[in-house]
Every structure is written in C-alpha cells, then in structure tokens.
C-alpha atoms as a PDB file:
ATOM      1  CA  MET A   1      39.218-102.328 108.685  1.00  0.00           C
ATOM      2  CA  LYS A   2      38.963 -98.515 108.887  1.00  0.00           C
ATOM      3  CA  THR A   3      42.650 -98.232 108.045  1.00  0.00           C
ATOM      4  CA  GLN A   4      42.199-100.251 104.886  1.00  0.00           C
ATOM      5  CA  THR A   5      39.278 -98.176 103.604  1.00  0.00           C
ATOM      6  CA  ARG A   6      41.092 -94.945 104.450  1.00  0.00           C
ATOM      7  CA  ARG A   7      44.174 -96.195 102.627  1.00  0.00           C
ATOM      8  CA  ARG A   8      42.117 -97.104  99.534  1.00  0.00           C
ATOM      9  CA  PHE A   9      40.450 -93.696  99.616  1.00  0.00           C
ATOM     10  CA  LEU A  10      43.764 -91.847  99.867  1.00  0.00           C
ATOM     11  CA  ILE A  11      45.301 -93.915  97.060  1.00  0.00           C
ATOM     12  CA  SER A  12      42.329 -93.312  94.764  1.00  0.00           C
ATOM     13  CA  LEU A  13      42.373 -89.611  95.633  1.00  0.00           C
ATOM     14  CA  GLY A  14      46.087 -89.406  94.832  1.00  0.00           C
ATOM     15  CA  VAL A  15      45.649 -91.237  91.527  1.00  0.00           C
ATOM     16  CA  THR A  16      42.738 -88.966  90.567  1.00  0.00           C
ATOM     17  CA  LEU A  17      44.743 -85.821  91.310  1.00  0.00           C
ATOM     18  CA  GLY A  18      47.746 -87.206  89.456  1.00  0.00           C
ATOM     19  CA  VAL A  19      45.720 -87.976  86.334  1.00  0.00           C
ATOM     20  CA  ALA A  20      44.038 -84.566  86.474  1.00  0.00           C
ATOM     21  CA  SER A  21      47.375 -82.756  86.710  1.00  0.00           C
ATOM     22  CA  LEU A  22      48.750 -84.687  83.721  1.00  0.00           C
ATOM     23  CA  GLY A  23      45.727 -83.822  81.623  1.00  0.00           C
ATOM     24  CA  LEU A  24      45.936 -80.102  82.371  1.00  0.00           C
ATOM     25  CA  ASN A  25      49.646 -79.908  81.573  1.00  0.00           C
ATOM     26  CA  GLY A  26      49.264 -81.820  78.308  1.00  0.00           C
ATOM     27  CA  CYS A  27      46.797 -79.386  76.739  1.00  0.00           C
ATOM     28  CA  SER A  28      48.849 -76.270  77.398  1.00  0.00           C
ATOM     29  CA  SER A  29      51.675 -77.342  75.047  1.00  0.00           C
ATOM     30  CA  ILE A  30      49.448 -77.671  71.939  1.00  0.00           C
ATOM     31  CA  GLU A  31      49.610 -74.637  69.649  1.00  0.00           C
ATOM     32  CA  PRO A  32      46.401 -73.606  67.861  1.00  0.00           C
ATOM     33  CA  GLN A  33      46.318 -74.076  64.082  1.00  0.00           C
ATOM     34  CA  PRO A  34      43.759 -72.836  61.543  1.00  0.00           C
ATOM     35  CA  PHE A  35      41.380 -75.332  59.938  1.00  0.00           C
ATOM     36  CA  SER A  36      42.038 -76.382  56.350  1.00  0.00           C
ATOM     37  CA  ILE A  37      38.621 -76.982  54.807  1.00  0.00           C
ATOM     38  CA  GLY A  38      39.347 -76.630  51.071  1.00  0.00           C
ATOM     39  CA  VAL A  39      37.126 -74.906  48.525  1.00  0.00           C
ATOM     40  CA  VAL A  40      34.022 -73.076  49.758  1.00  0.00           C
ATOM     41  CA  VAL A  41      30.890 -73.963  47.774  1.00  0.00           C
ATOM     42  CA  LYS A  42      27.616 -72.034  47.953  1.00  0.00           C
ATOM     43  CA  ALA A  43      24.571 -74.024  49.010  1.00  0.00           C
ATOM     44  CA  PRO A  44      21.927 -74.564  46.297  1.00  0.00           C
ATOM     45  CA  LYS A  45      19.001 -72.156  46.516  1.00  0.00           C
ATOM     46  CA  GLY A  46      16.369 -74.696  45.555  1.00  0.00           C
ATOM     47  CA  CYS A  47      15.548 -78.004  43.964  1.00  0.00           C
ATOM     48  CA  GLN A  48      16.248 -76.797  40.412  1.00  0.00           C
ATOM     49  CA  GLU A  49      19.763 -75.673  41.268  1.00  0.00           C
ATOM     50  CA  LEU A  50      20.425 -78.833  43.272  1.00  0.00           C
ATOM     51  CA  LEU A  51      19.462 -81.059  40.355  1.00  0.00           C
ATOM     52  CA  ALA A  52      21.551 -78.933  37.969  1.00  0.00           C
ATOM     53  CA  LYS A  53      24.653 -79.553  40.126  1.00  0.00           C
ATOM     54  CA  ASP A  54      24.009 -83.259  40.755  1.00  0.00           C
ATOM     55  CA  LYS A  55      21.389 -85.417  39.043  1.00  0.00           C
ATOM     56  CA  ARG A  56      21.298 -87.695  42.114  1.00  0.00           C
ATOM     57  CA  GLY A  57      19.968 -84.831  44.269  1.00  0.00           C
ATOM     58  CA  ASP A  58      16.942 -85.687  46.381  1.00  0.00           C
ATOM     59  CA  CYS A  59      14.113 -83.136  46.209  1.00  0.00           C
END
C-alpha cells in the first residue's frame, strides 16, 4: 500500500513539474506589443459638459 501512494505522489509531482516547465517556456516566446486604444478623449469636467456631449448623460 505504501508503494502505491508513493507512486501516485511521484507521478503527480512529475506531472506538476512538467506542466510548470511548459508554462514558463511558453511565455518567453511572446514579444511585447504596444496597446492600440484609438482616439483619446478628455473626461467631462462637470454635469453641464457631460450633458452637452451626450443628452443621455446621468447627473
């Protein structure tokens, strides 16, 4: 019975290490890219300006 639990432990340990090594290698090949967010819009300064931009604004 001890052999079976030891075997299960070693198999689960090996699988865990294998998955961890795959995950670490996968991230290193991705090159960083800048975000593309579009047009920058200033936030409204108050309720008046919000309603002037969009009549559905909630003040």
